Amino acid sequence: MNMPLFLAAATLVMVAAAAPLRAHHAFAAEFDGTKPVTLTGTVTKMDWINPHAWLYIDVKGPDGKVVGWMIEGGAPNALLRRGWNRRSVPPGTVVIVEGFRAKDGSSRASGGAVTLPDGKKLFIGSTPEALGGGK
């Protein structure tokens, strides 16, 4: 392989490897650790995608208006290790989600504890310590 072709191929590999890193972000970049939120809502779907799984819930506000919330979770493999599976929260399940609000004020949160109808808690994102538990 000649040198210019090798350099072009090496550059292409480095750019392709860096793309997933740009898509990933730190908690503090999007969420406010000083603004905890507790939401009770009905699961509409859960996306098991990398780098973060997403839980979607409909939450009824005090005015009766339903707002769709997006809850960011950990990586799918991390959730599996924490006791989650694809059947943990089927659509229609009412859950309580503890987490932290998005800095931009949107209906998004970084998830922490998710309480299921039977009282079982699963951690979706933040560590139990971040939510005041597990100490």
C-alpha atoms as a PDB file:
ATOM      1  CA  MET A   1       0.000   0.000   0.000  1.00  0.00           C
ATOM      2  CA  ASN A   2       1.444   3.381  -0.899  1.00  0.00           C
ATOM      3  CA  MET A   3       1.805   6.058   1.805  1.00  0.00           C
ATOM      4  CA  PRO A   4      -0.973   8.496   0.661  1.00  0.00           C
ATOM      5  CA  LEU A   5      -3.513   5.659   0.449  1.00  0.00           C
ATOM      6  CA  PHE A   6      -2.447   4.370   3.866  1.00  0.00           C
ATOM      7  CA  LEU A   7      -2.795   7.840   5.420  1.00  0.00           C
ATOM      8  CA  ALA A   8      -6.238   8.304   3.870  1.00  0.00           C
ATOM      9  CA  ALA A   9      -7.390   4.920   5.189  1.00  0.00           C
ATOM     10  CA  ALA A  10      -5.957   5.609   8.660  1.00  0.00           C
ATOM     11  CA  THR A  11      -7.692   9.002   8.782  1.00  0.00           C
ATOM     12  CA  LEU A  12     -10.996   7.446   7.748  1.00  0.00           C
ATOM     13  CA  VAL A  13     -10.716   4.822  10.507  1.00  0.00           C
ATOM     14  CA  MET A  14      -9.975   7.479  13.165  1.00  0.00           C
ATOM     15  CA  VAL A  15     -12.904   9.665  12.056  1.00  0.00           C
ATOM     16  CA  ALA A  16     -15.272   6.687  12.078  1.00  0.00           C
ATOM     17  CA  ALA A  17     -14.093   5.662  15.548  1.00  0.00           C
ATOM     18  CA  ALA A  18     -14.559   9.176  16.917  1.00  0.00           C
ATOM     19  CA  ALA A  19     -18.171   9.553  15.703  1.00  0.00           C
ATOM     20  CA  PRO A  20     -19.735   7.499  18.545  1.00  0.00           C
ATOM     21  CA  LEU A  21     -17.693   9.467  21.091  1.00  0.00           C
ATOM     22  CA  ARG A  22     -19.156  12.761  19.906  1.00  0.00           C
ATOM     23  CA  ALA A  23     -22.665  11.356  20.293  1.00  0.00           C
ATOM     24  CA  HIS A  24     -22.077  10.488  23.929  1.00  0.00           C
ATOM     25  CA  HIS A  25     -22.255  13.182  26.580  1.00  0.00           C
ATOM     26  CA  ALA A  26     -21.648  13.751  30.248  1.00  0.00           C
ATOM     27  CA  PHE A  27     -24.581  13.956  32.685  1.00  0.00           C
ATOM     28  CA  ALA A  28     -23.736  17.583  33.549  1.00  0.00           C
ATOM     29  CA  ALA A  29     -23.876  18.614  29.900  1.00  0.00           C
ATOM     30  CA  GLU A  30     -27.632  18.043  29.682  1.00  0.00           C
ATOM     31  CA  PHE A  31     -29.052  17.439  33.152  1.00  0.00           C
ATOM     32  CA  ASP A  32     -29.142  19.425  36.393  1.00  0.00           C
ATOM     33  CA  GLY A  33     -28.124  17.426  39.466  1.00  0.00           C
ATOM     34  CA  THR A  34     -29.729  20.074  41.687  1.00  0.00           C
ATOM     35  CA  LYS A  35     -33.182  19.610  40.128  1.00  0.00           C
ATOM     36  CA  PRO A  36     -34.529  16.199  41.114  1.00  0.00           C
ATOM     37  CA  VAL A  37     -37.861  15.184  39.659  1.00  0.00           C
ATOM     38  CA  THR A  38     -40.316  12.417  40.545  1.00  0.00           C
ATOM     39  CA  LEU A  39     -42.770  11.465  37.818  1.00  0.00           C
ATOM     40  CA  THR A  40     -45.690   9.054  37.865  1.00  0.00           C
ATOM     41  CA  GLY A  41     -46.699   8.032  34.395  1.00  0.00           C
ATOM     42  CA  THR A  42     -47.752   5.369  31.958  1.00  0.00           C
ATOM     43  CA  VAL A  43     -45.087   3.731  29.811  1.00  0.00           C
ATOM     44  CA  THR A  44     -45.620   4.300  26.100  1.00  0.00           C
ATOM     45  CA  LYS A  45     -42.430   2.590  24.921  1.00  0.00           C
ATOM     46  CA  MET A  46     -38.825   1.800  25.756  1.00  0.00           C
ATOM     47  CA  ASP A  47     -36.006   2.026  23.232  1.00  0.00           C
ATOM     48  CA  TRP A  48     -33.078  -0.326  23.856  1.00  0.00           C
ATOM     49  CA  ILE A  49     -30.489   1.605  21.859  1.00  0.00           C
ATOM     50  CA  ASN A  50     -26.857   2.575  22.419  1.00  0.00           C
ATOM     51  CA  PRO A  51     -25.352   4.562  23.941  1.00  0.00           C
ATOM     52  CA  HIS A  52     -28.439   5.094  26.179  1.00  0.00           C
ATOM     53  CA  ALA A  53     -31.754   3.340  26.490  1.00  0.00           C
ATOM     54  CA  TRP A  54     -34.805   5.639  26.608  1.00  0.00           C
ATOM     55  CA  LEU A  55     -38.018   5.161  28.573  1.00  0.00           C
ATOM     56  CA  TYR A  56     -41.026   7.148  27.337  1.00  0.00           C
ATOM     57  CA  ILE A  57     -43.875   7.877  29.744  1.00  0.00           C
ATOM     58  CA  ASP A  58     -47.050   9.951  29.641  1.00  0.00           C
ATOM     59  CA  VAL A  59     -47.449  12.043  32.793  1.00  0.00           C
ATOM     60  CA  LYS A  60     -50.715  13.767  33.714  1.00  0.00           C
ATOM     61  CA  GLY A  61     -50.087  17.239  35.094  1.00  0.00           C
ATOM     62  CA  PRO A  62     -52.081  19.030  37.811  1.00  0.00           C
ATOM     63  CA  ASP A  63     -54.100  20.722  35.057  1.00  0.00           C
ATOM     64  CA  GLY A  64     -55.074  17.319  33.605  1.00  0.00           C
ATOM     65  CA  LYS A  65     -52.898  17.810  30.526  1.00  0.00           C
ATOM     66  CA  VAL A  66     -50.818  14.769  29.538  1.00  0.00           C
ATOM     67  CA  VAL A  67     -47.157  15.445  28.790  1.00  0.00           C
ATOM     68  CA  GLY A  68     -44.839  12.935  27.156  1.00  0.00           C
ATOM     69  CA  TRP A  69     -41.524  12.572  29.021  1.00  0.00           C
ATOM     70  CA  MET A  70     -38.289  11.023  27.765  1.00  0.00           C
ATOM     71  CA  ILE A  71     -36.212   9.348  30.460  1.00  0.00           C
ATOM     72  CA  GLU A  72     -32.593   8.665  29.585  1.00  0.00           C
ATOM     73  CA  GLY A  73     -31.200   5.438  30.945  1.00  0.00           C
ATOM     74  CA  GLY A  74     -27.899   3.672  30.926  1.00  0.00           C
ATOM     75  CA  ALA A  75     -26.544   1.494  28.176  1.00  0.00           C
ATOM     76  CA  PRO A  76     -28.670  -1.579  27.440  1.00  0.00           C
ATOM     77  CA  ASN A  77     -25.969  -3.928  28.779  1.00  0.00           C
ATOM     78  CA  ALA A  78     -25.793  -1.953  32.037  1.00  0.00           C
ATOM     79  CA  LEU A  79     -29.576  -2.190  32.394  1.00  0.00           C
ATOM     80  CA  LEU A  80     -29.485  -5.944  31.871  1.00  0.00           C
ATOM     81  CA  ARG A  81     -26.906  -6.217  34.672  1.00  0.00           C
ATOM     82  CA  ARG A  82     -29.214  -4.163  36.931  1.00  0.00           C
ATOM     83  CA  GLY A  83     -32.115  -6.568  36.456  1.00  0.00           C
ATOM     84  CA  TRP A  84     -33.900  -5.037  33.476  1.00  0.00           C
ATOM     85  CA  ASN A  85     -35.117  -6.977  30.473  1.00  0.00           C
ATOM     86  CA  ARG A  86     -37.196  -6.086  27.434  1.00  0.00           C
ATOM     87  CA  ARG A  87     -40.361  -7.114  29.282  1.00  0.00           C
ATOM     88  CA  SER A  88     -39.725  -5.094  32.469  1.00  0.00           C
ATOM     89  CA  VAL A  89     -41.974  -2.170  31.508  1.00  0.00           C
ATOM     90  CA  PRO A  90     -44.397  -3.025  28.714  1.00  0.00           C
ATOM     91  CA  PRO A  91     -46.519  -0.189  27.306  1.00  0.00           C
ATOM     92  CA  GLY A  92     -49.401   0.592  29.664  1.00  0.00           C
ATOM     93  CA  THR A  93     -47.383  -0.035  32.845  1.00  0.00           C
ATOM     94  CA  VAL A  94     -47.686   2.746  35.420  1.00  0.00           C
ATOM     95  CA  VAL A  95     -44.280   3.574  36.907  1.00  0.00           C
ATOM     96  CA  ILE A  96     -42.741   6.122  39.238  1.00  0.00           C
ATOM     97  CA  VAL A  97     -39.482   7.559  37.943  1.00  0.00           C
ATOM     98  CA  GLU A  98     -36.973   9.446  40.073  1.00  0.00           C
ATOM     99  CA  GLY A  99     -34.301  11.359  38.244  1.00  0.00           C
ATOM    100  CA  PHE A 100     -32.963  14.772  37.320  1.00  0.00           C
ATOM    101  CA  ARG A 101     -34.475  17.350  34.968  1.00  0.00           C
ATOM    102  CA  ALA A 102     -32.929  18.485  31.724  1.00  0.00           C
ATOM    103  CA  LYS A 103     -31.149  21.833  31.936  1.00  0.00           C
ATOM    104  CA  ASP A 104     -33.129  23.174  28.984  1.00  0.00           C
ATOM    105  CA  GLY A 105     -36.464  22.743  30.815  1.00  0.00           C
ATOM    106  CA  SER A 106     -37.778  20.208  28.305  1.00  0.00           C
ATOM    107  CA  SER A 107     -39.758  17.129  29.300  1.00  0.00           C
ATOM    108  CA  ARG A 108     -36.612  15.020  29.557  1.00  0.00           C
ATOM    109  CA  ALA A 109     -34.845  13.596  32.558  1.00  0.00           C
ATOM    110  CA  SER A 110     -31.861  11.468  33.410  1.00  0.00           C
ATOM    111  CA  GLY A 111     -33.440   8.475  35.057  1.00  0.00           C
ATOM    112  CA  GLY A 112     -32.551   7.040  38.422  1.00  0.00           C
ATOM    113  CA  ALA A 113     -34.914   4.703  40.223  1.00  0.00           C
ATOM    114  CA  VAL A 114     -37.968   3.306  38.456  1.00  0.00           C
ATOM    115  CA  THR A 115     -40.595   1.864  40.794  1.00  0.00           C
ATOM    116  CA  LEU A 116     -42.763  -0.819  39.210  1.00  0.00           C
ATOM    117  CA  PRO A 117     -46.424  -1.474  40.135  1.00  0.00           C
ATOM    118  CA  ASP A 118     -45.401  -4.326  42.467  1.00  0.00           C
ATOM    119  CA  GLY A 119     -43.076  -1.963  44.405  1.00  0.00           C
ATOM    120  CA  LYS A 120     -39.875  -3.368  42.939  1.00  0.00           C
ATOM    121  CA  LYS A 121     -37.264  -0.701  42.143  1.00  0.00           C
ATOM    122  CA  LEU A 122     -34.907  -0.914  39.204  1.00  0.00           C
ATOM    123  CA  PHE A 123     -32.172   1.617  38.537  1.00  0.00           C
ATOM    124  CA  ILE A 124     -32.208   2.920  34.988  1.00  0.00           C
ATOM    125  CA  GLY A 125     -29.416   5.464  34.912  1.00  0.00           C
ATOM    126  CA  SER A 126     -27.978   7.357  37.837  1.00  0.00           C
ATOM    127  CA  THR A 127     -26.433   5.349  40.612  1.00  0.00           C
ATOM    128  CA  PRO A 128     -28.484   4.693  43.758  1.00  0.00           C
ATOM    129  CA  GLU A 129     -26.056   6.949  45.650  1.00  0.00           C
ATOM    130  CA  ALA A 130     -26.902   9.882  43.386  1.00  0.00           C
ATOM    131  CA  LEU A 131     -30.539   9.546  44.427  1.00  0.00           C
ATOM    132  CA  GLY A 132     -29.801   9.358  48.143  1.00  0.00           C
ATOM    133  CA  GLY A 133     -30.132   5.591  48.368  1.00  0.00           C
ATOM    134  CA  GLY A 134     -27.574   2.857  48.752  1.00  0.00           C
ATOM    135  CA  LYS A 135     -25.560   4.789  51.353  1.00  0.00           C
END
